[in-house]
Amino acid sequence: MSAQNITQRYLEVTAKDLPLCCPMPSMSMWNAHPKVVIPLNHGGEARCPYCGTLYKFKGELPKGHH
């Protein structure tokens, strides 16, 4: 993933981006709000509660372990 500005409202993420946190280290304004872990729902999407960025998982979601 290339450097992104946190004002972007949609990002595709892959397994290498997990665990998913916002803001991501690659974002140019990585210190714009407190770091928060973003849990992906079963559809592979989640929205940051601080900045509203929508994250969509690209590819097959990894299986969780129990």
PDB file of N, CA and C in Angstrom:
ATOM      1  N   MET A   1       0.844  -1.173   0.000  1.00  0.00           N
ATOM      2  CA  MET A   1       0.000   0.000   0.000  1.00  0.00           C
ATOM      3  C   MET A   1       0.888   1.234   0.000  1.00  0.00           C
ATOM      4  N   SER A   2       0.589   2.163  -0.858  1.00  0.00           N
ATOM      5  CA  SER A   2       1.373   3.392  -0.914  1.00  0.00           C
ATOM      6  C   SER A   2       0.908   4.363   0.166  1.00  0.00           C
ATOM      7  N   ALA A   3       1.674   5.436   0.352  1.00  0.00           N
ATOM      8  CA  ALA A   3       1.302   6.438   1.356  1.00  0.00           C
ATOM      9  C   ALA A   3      -0.066   7.017   1.007  1.00  0.00           C
ATOM     10  N   GLN A   4      -0.936   7.058   1.983  1.00  0.00           N
ATOM     11  CA  GLN A   4      -2.300   7.530   1.783  1.00  0.00           C
ATOM     12  C   GLN A   4      -2.559   8.710   2.709  1.00  0.00           C
ATOM     13  N   ASN A   5      -3.406   9.600   2.296  1.00  0.00           N
ATOM     14  CA  ASN A   5      -3.831  10.699   3.143  1.00  0.00           C
ATOM     15  C   ASN A   5      -5.054  10.238   3.913  1.00  0.00           C
ATOM     16  N   ILE A   6      -5.129  10.568   5.192  1.00  0.00           N
ATOM     17  CA  ILE A   6      -6.227  10.089   6.027  1.00  0.00           C
ATOM     18  C   ILE A   6      -7.576  10.652   5.611  1.00  0.00           C
ATOM     19  N   THR A   7      -7.607  11.676   4.781  1.00  0.00           N
ATOM     20  CA  THR A   7      -8.876  12.219   4.336  1.00  0.00           C
ATOM     21  C   THR A   7      -9.522  11.347   3.275  1.00  0.00           C
ATOM     22  N   GLN A   8      -8.771  10.373   2.755  1.00  0.00           N
ATOM     23  CA  GLN A   8      -9.354   9.435   1.806  1.00  0.00           C
ATOM     24  C   GLN A   8     -10.365   8.592   2.566  1.00  0.00           C
ATOM     25  N   ARG A   9     -11.510   8.356   2.005  1.00  0.00           N
ATOM     26  CA  ARG A   9     -12.590   7.692   2.723  1.00  0.00           C
ATOM     27  C   ARG A   9     -12.763   6.223   2.382  1.00  0.00           C
ATOM     28  N   TYR A  10     -11.965   5.667   1.465  1.00  0.00           N
ATOM     29  CA  TYR A  10     -12.096   4.271   1.089  1.00  0.00           C
ATOM     30  C   TYR A  10     -10.718   3.680   0.838  1.00  0.00           C
ATOM     31  N   LEU A  11     -10.426   2.576   1.486  1.00  0.00           N
ATOM     32  CA  LEU A  11      -9.152   1.889   1.285  1.00  0.00           C
ATOM     33  C   LEU A  11      -9.393   0.395   1.165  1.00  0.00           C
ATOM     34  N   GLU A  12      -8.724  -0.237   0.212  1.00  0.00           N
ATOM     35  CA  GLU A  12      -8.736  -1.688   0.129  1.00  0.00           C
ATOM     36  C   GLU A  12      -7.539  -2.198   0.906  1.00  0.00           C
ATOM     37  N   VAL A  13      -7.761  -3.235   1.703  1.00  0.00           N
ATOM     38  CA  VAL A  13      -6.693  -3.816   2.509  1.00  0.00           C
ATOM     39  C   VAL A  13      -6.584  -5.301   2.190  1.00  0.00           C
ATOM     40  N   THR A  14      -5.421  -5.861   2.493  1.00  0.00           N
ATOM     41  CA  THR A  14      -5.169  -7.284   2.266  1.00  0.00           C
ATOM     42  C   THR A  14      -4.719  -7.926   3.572  1.00  0.00           C
ATOM     43  N   ALA A  15      -4.449  -9.213   3.529  1.00  0.00           N
ATOM     44  CA  ALA A  15      -4.037  -9.947   4.715  1.00  0.00           C
ATOM     45  C   ALA A  15      -2.771  -9.366   5.337  1.00  0.00           C
ATOM     46  N   LYS A  16      -1.891  -8.773   4.530  1.00  0.00           N
ATOM     47  CA  LYS A  16      -0.654  -8.212   5.081  1.00  0.00           C
ATOM     48  C   LYS A  16      -0.922  -6.976   5.935  1.00  0.00           C
ATOM     49  N   ASP A  17      -2.107  -6.365   5.814  1.00  0.00           N
ATOM     50  CA  ASP A  17      -2.464  -5.189   6.599  1.00  0.00           C
ATOM     51  C   ASP A  17      -3.090  -5.552   7.948  1.00  0.00           C
ATOM     52  N   LEU A  18      -3.316  -6.842   8.187  1.00  0.00           N
ATOM     53  CA  LEU A  18      -3.936  -7.279   9.434  1.00  0.00           C
ATOM     54  C   LEU A  18      -2.898  -7.459  10.526  1.00  0.00           C
ATOM     55  N   PRO A  19      -3.190  -7.213  11.784  1.00  0.00           N
ATOM     56  CA  PRO A  19      -4.431  -6.635  12.269  1.00  0.00           C
ATOM     57  C   PRO A  19      -4.570  -5.198  11.781  1.00  0.00           C
ATOM     58  N   LEU A  20      -5.782  -4.829  11.443  1.00  0.00           N
ATOM     59  CA  LEU A  20      -6.069  -3.531  10.843  1.00  0.00           C
ATOM     60  C   LEU A  20      -6.220  -2.460  11.917  1.00  0.00           C
ATOM     61  N   CYS A  21      -5.454  -1.390  11.761  1.00  0.00           N
ATOM     62  CA  CYS A  21      -5.535  -0.249  12.672  1.00  0.00           C
ATOM     63  C   CYS A  21      -5.706   1.020  11.849  1.00  0.00           C
ATOM     64  N   CYS A  22      -6.375   1.987  12.418  1.00  0.00           N
ATOM     65  CA  CYS A  22      -6.523   3.286  11.775  1.00  0.00           C
ATOM     66  C   CYS A  22      -6.061   4.347  12.764  1.00  0.00           C
ATOM     67  N   PRO A  23      -5.266   5.299  12.339  1.00  0.00           N
ATOM     68  CA  PRO A  23      -4.706   5.408  11.000  1.00  0.00           C
ATOM     69  C   PRO A  23      -3.602   4.386  10.779  1.00  0.00           C
ATOM     70  N   MET A  24      -3.451   3.990   9.518  1.00  0.00           N
ATOM     71  CA  MET A  24      -2.412   3.028   9.162  1.00  0.00           C
ATOM     72  C   MET A  24      -1.068   3.747   9.114  1.00  0.00           C
ATOM     73  N   PRO A  25       0.023   3.041   9.421  1.00  0.00           N
ATOM     74  CA  PRO A  25       1.347   3.674   9.401  1.00  0.00           C
ATOM     75  C   PRO A  25       1.709   4.307   8.059  1.00  0.00           C
ATOM     76  N   SER A  26       1.153   3.811   6.964  1.00  0.00           N
ATOM     77  CA  SER A  26       1.477   4.345   5.648  1.00  0.00           C
ATOM     78  C   SER A  26       0.730   5.635   5.318  1.00  0.00           C
ATOM     79  N   MET A  27      -0.198   6.034   6.172  1.00  0.00           N
ATOM     80  CA  MET A  27      -0.951   7.264   5.919  1.00  0.00           C
ATOM     81  C   MET A  27      -0.086   8.474   6.237  1.00  0.00           C
ATOM     82  N   SER A  28      -0.178   9.486   5.380  1.00  0.00           N
ATOM     83  CA  SER A  28       0.677  10.656   5.571  1.00  0.00           C
ATOM     84  C   SER A  28       0.345  11.414   6.847  1.00  0.00           C
ATOM     85  N   MET A  29      -0.863  11.295   7.337  1.00  0.00           N
ATOM     86  CA  MET A  29      -1.247  11.948   8.586  1.00  0.00           C
ATOM     87  C   MET A  29      -1.539  10.871   9.632  1.00  0.00           C
ATOM     88  N   TRP A  30      -0.558   9.993   9.889  1.00  0.00           N
ATOM     89  CA  TRP A  30      -0.743   8.860  10.765  1.00  0.00           C
ATOM     90  C   TRP A  30      -1.083   9.263  12.192  1.00  0.00           C
ATOM     91  N   ASN A  31      -0.868  10.524  12.566  1.00  0.00           N
ATOM     92  CA  ASN A  31      -1.155  10.952  13.939  1.00  0.00           C
ATOM     93  C   ASN A  31      -2.400  11.840  14.015  1.00  0.00           C
ATOM     94  N   ALA A  32      -3.325  11.723  13.062  1.00  0.00           N
ATOM     95  CA  ALA A  32      -4.502  12.585  13.009  1.00  0.00           C
ATOM     96  C   ALA A  32      -5.529  12.270  14.098  1.00  0.00           C
ATOM     97  N   HIS A  33      -5.550  11.042  14.579  1.00  0.00           N
ATOM     98  CA  HIS A  33      -6.445  10.673  15.673  1.00  0.00           C
ATOM     99  C   HIS A  33      -5.838   9.489  16.404  1.00  0.00           C
ATOM    100  N   PRO A  34      -6.366   9.130  17.578  1.00  0.00           N
ATOM    101  CA  PRO A  34      -5.801   7.992  18.309  1.00  0.00           C
ATOM    102  C   PRO A  34      -5.856   6.716  17.468  1.00  0.00           C
ATOM    103  N   LYS A  35      -4.868   5.873  17.643  1.00  0.00           N
ATOM    104  CA  LYS A  35      -4.836   4.597  16.928  1.00  0.00           C
ATOM    105  C   LYS A  35      -5.952   3.700  17.465  1.00  0.00           C
ATOM    106  N   VAL A  36      -6.717   3.134  16.564  1.00  0.00           N
ATOM    107  CA  VAL A  36      -7.824   2.258  16.941  1.00  0.00           C
ATOM    108  C   VAL A  36      -7.775   1.005  16.072  1.00  0.00           C
ATOM    109  N   VAL A  37      -8.005  -0.150  16.701  1.00  0.00           N
ATOM    110  CA  VAL A  37      -8.059  -1.410  15.965  1.00  0.00           C
ATOM    111  C   VAL A  37      -9.422  -1.492  15.297  1.00  0.00           C
ATOM    112  N   ILE A  38      -9.425  -1.843  14.017  1.00  0.00           N
ATOM    113  CA  ILE A  38     -10.648  -1.920  13.230  1.00  0.00           C
ATOM    114  C   ILE A  38     -10.981  -3.395  12.972  1.00  0.00           C
ATOM    115  N   PRO A  39     -12.018  -3.921  13.629  1.00  0.00           N
ATOM    116  CA  PRO A  39     -12.413  -5.311  13.346  1.00  0.00           C
ATOM    117  C   PRO A  39     -13.233  -5.371  12.063  1.00  0.00           C
ATOM    118  N   LEU A  40     -12.885  -6.282  11.170  1.00  0.00           N
ATOM    119  CA  LEU A  40     -13.627  -6.442   9.927  1.00  0.00           C
ATOM    120  C   LEU A  40     -14.843  -7.321  10.195  1.00  0.00           C
ATOM    121  N   ASN A  41     -16.002  -6.935   9.654  1.00  0.00           N
ATOM    122  CA  ASN A  41     -17.196  -7.748   9.828  1.00  0.00           C
ATOM    123  C   ASN A  41     -17.172  -8.913   8.845  1.00  0.00           C
ATOM    124  N   HIS A  42     -18.204  -9.707   8.837  1.00  0.00           N
ATOM    125  CA  HIS A  42     -18.219 -10.901   7.976  1.00  0.00           C
ATOM    126  C   HIS A  42     -18.217 -10.568   6.492  1.00  0.00           C
ATOM    127  N   GLY A  43     -18.604  -9.376   6.134  1.00  0.00           N
ATOM    128  CA  GLY A  43     -18.564  -8.966   4.733  1.00  0.00           C
ATOM    129  C   GLY A  43     -17.206  -8.417   4.330  1.00  0.00           C
ATOM    130  N   GLY A  44     -16.266  -8.333   5.286  1.00  0.00           N
ATOM    131  CA  GLY A  44     -14.935  -7.832   4.978  1.00  0.00           C
ATOM    132  C   GLY A  44     -14.874  -6.324   4.913  1.00  0.00           C
ATOM    133  N   GLU A  45     -15.800  -5.634   5.601  1.00  0.00           N
ATOM    134  CA  GLU A  45     -15.810  -4.178   5.614  1.00  0.00           C
ATOM    135  C   GLU A  45     -15.855  -3.662   7.042  1.00  0.00           C
ATOM    136  N   ALA A  46     -15.298  -2.476   7.230  1.00  0.00           N
ATOM    137  CA  ALA A  46     -15.381  -1.804   8.530  1.00  0.00           C
ATOM    138  C   ALA A  46     -15.107  -0.324   8.325  1.00  0.00           C
ATOM    139  N   ARG A  47     -15.648   0.484   9.214  1.00  0.00           N
ATOM    140  CA  ARG A  47     -15.472   1.930   9.134  1.00  0.00           C
ATOM    141  C   ARG A  47     -14.809   2.422  10.417  1.00  0.00           C
ATOM    142  N   CYS A  48     -13.847   3.332  10.284  1.00  0.00           N
ATOM    143  CA  CYS A  48     -13.175   3.912  11.432  1.00  0.00           C
ATOM    144  C   CYS A  48     -14.157   4.828  12.171  1.00  0.00           C
ATOM    145  N   PRO A  49     -14.291   4.671  13.496  1.00  0.00           N
ATOM    146  CA  PRO A  49     -15.216   5.524  14.237  1.00  0.00           C
ATOM    147  C   PRO A  49     -14.730   6.971  14.379  1.00  0.00           C
ATOM    148  N   TYR A  50     -13.445   7.217  14.155  1.00  0.00           N
ATOM    149  CA  TYR A  50     -12.897   8.574  14.281  1.00  0.00           C
ATOM    150  C   TYR A  50     -12.993   9.366  12.992  1.00  0.00           C
ATOM    151  N   CYS A  51     -12.466   8.810  11.893  1.00  0.00           N
ATOM    152  CA  CYS A  51     -12.378   9.589  10.651  1.00  0.00           C
ATOM    153  C   CYS A  51     -13.368   9.126   9.584  1.00  0.00           C
ATOM    154  N   GLY A  52     -14.023   7.996   9.797  1.00  0.00           N
ATOM    155  CA  GLY A  52     -15.020   7.526   8.847  1.00  0.00           C
ATOM    156  C   GLY A  52     -14.465   6.786   7.648  1.00  0.00           C
ATOM    157  N   THR A  53     -13.156   6.549   7.597  1.00  0.00           N
ATOM    158  CA  THR A  53     -12.577   5.819   6.470  1.00  0.00           C
ATOM    159  C   THR A  53     -13.178   4.425   6.403  1.00  0.00           C
ATOM    160  N   LEU A  54     -13.619   4.023   5.218  1.00  0.00           N
ATOM    161  CA  LEU A  54     -14.170   2.693   4.999  1.00  0.00           C
ATOM    162  C   LEU A  54     -13.051   1.783   4.518  1.00  0.00           C
ATOM    163  N   TYR A  55     -12.867   0.681   5.211  1.00  0.00           N
ATOM    164  CA  TYR A  55     -11.869  -0.318   4.839  1.00  0.00           C
ATOM    165  C   TYR A  55     -12.604  -1.510   4.255  1.00  0.00           C
ATOM    166  N   LYS A  56     -12.152  -1.955   3.079  1.00  0.00           N
ATOM    167  CA  LYS A  56     -12.722  -3.139   2.445  1.00  0.00           C
ATOM    168  C   LYS A  56     -11.590  -4.131   2.205  1.00  0.00           C
ATOM    169  N   PHE A  57     -11.824  -5.348   2.651  1.00  0.00           N
ATOM    170  CA  PHE A  57     -10.820  -6.391   2.496  1.00  0.00           C
ATOM    171  C   PHE A  57     -10.871  -6.928   1.088  1.00  0.00           C
ATOM    172  N   LYS A  58      -9.703  -7.034   0.461  1.00  0.00           N
ATOM    173  CA  LYS A  58      -9.576  -7.555  -0.897  1.00  0.00           C
ATOM    174  C   LYS A  58      -8.985  -8.952  -0.809  1.00  0.00           C
ATOM    175  N   GLY A  59      -9.675  -9.917  -1.356  1.00  0.00           N
ATOM    176  CA  GLY A  59      -9.221 -11.298  -1.297  1.00  0.00           C
ATOM    177  C   GLY A  59     -10.044 -12.085  -0.287  1.00  0.00           C
ATOM    178  N   GLU A  60      -9.548 -13.264   0.065  1.00  0.00           N
ATOM    179  CA  GLU A  60     -10.249 -14.128   1.017  1.00  0.00           C
ATOM    180  C   GLU A  60      -9.811 -13.784   2.440  1.00  0.00           C
ATOM    181  N   LEU A  61     -10.792 -13.575   3.305  1.00  0.00           N
ATOM    182  CA  LEU A  61     -10.481 -13.271   4.702  1.00  0.00           C
ATOM    183  C   LEU A  61      -9.824 -14.485   5.352  1.00  0.00           C
ATOM    184  N   PRO A  62      -8.762 -14.273   6.136  1.00  0.00           N
ATOM    185  CA  PRO A  62      -8.135 -15.389   6.835  1.00  0.00           C
ATOM    186  C   PRO A  62      -9.107 -15.994   7.832  1.00  0.00           C
ATOM    187  N   LYS A  63      -9.001 -17.281   8.046  1.00  0.00           N
ATOM    188  CA  LYS A  63      -9.846 -17.969   9.008  1.00  0.00           C
ATOM    189  C   LYS A  63      -9.341 -17.687  10.410  1.00  0.00           C
ATOM    190  N   GLY A  64     -10.250 -17.407  11.337  1.00  0.00           N
ATOM    191  CA  GLY A  64      -9.874 -17.170  12.726  1.00  0.00           C
ATOM    192  C   GLY A  64      -9.546 -18.484  13.405  1.00  0.00           C
ATOM    193  N   HIS A  65      -8.840 -18.400  14.509  1.00  0.00           N
ATOM    194  CA  HIS A  65      -8.535 -19.626  15.247  1.00  0.00           C
ATOM    195  C   HIS A  65      -9.311 -19.590  16.561  1.00  0.00           C
ATOM    196  N   HIS A  66      -9.657 -20.759  17.050  1.00  0.00           N
ATOM    197  CA  HIS A  66     -10.457 -20.863  18.280  1.00  0.00           C
ATOM    198  C   HIS A  66      -9.721 -21.636  19.310  1.00  0.00           C
TER     199      HIS A  66
END
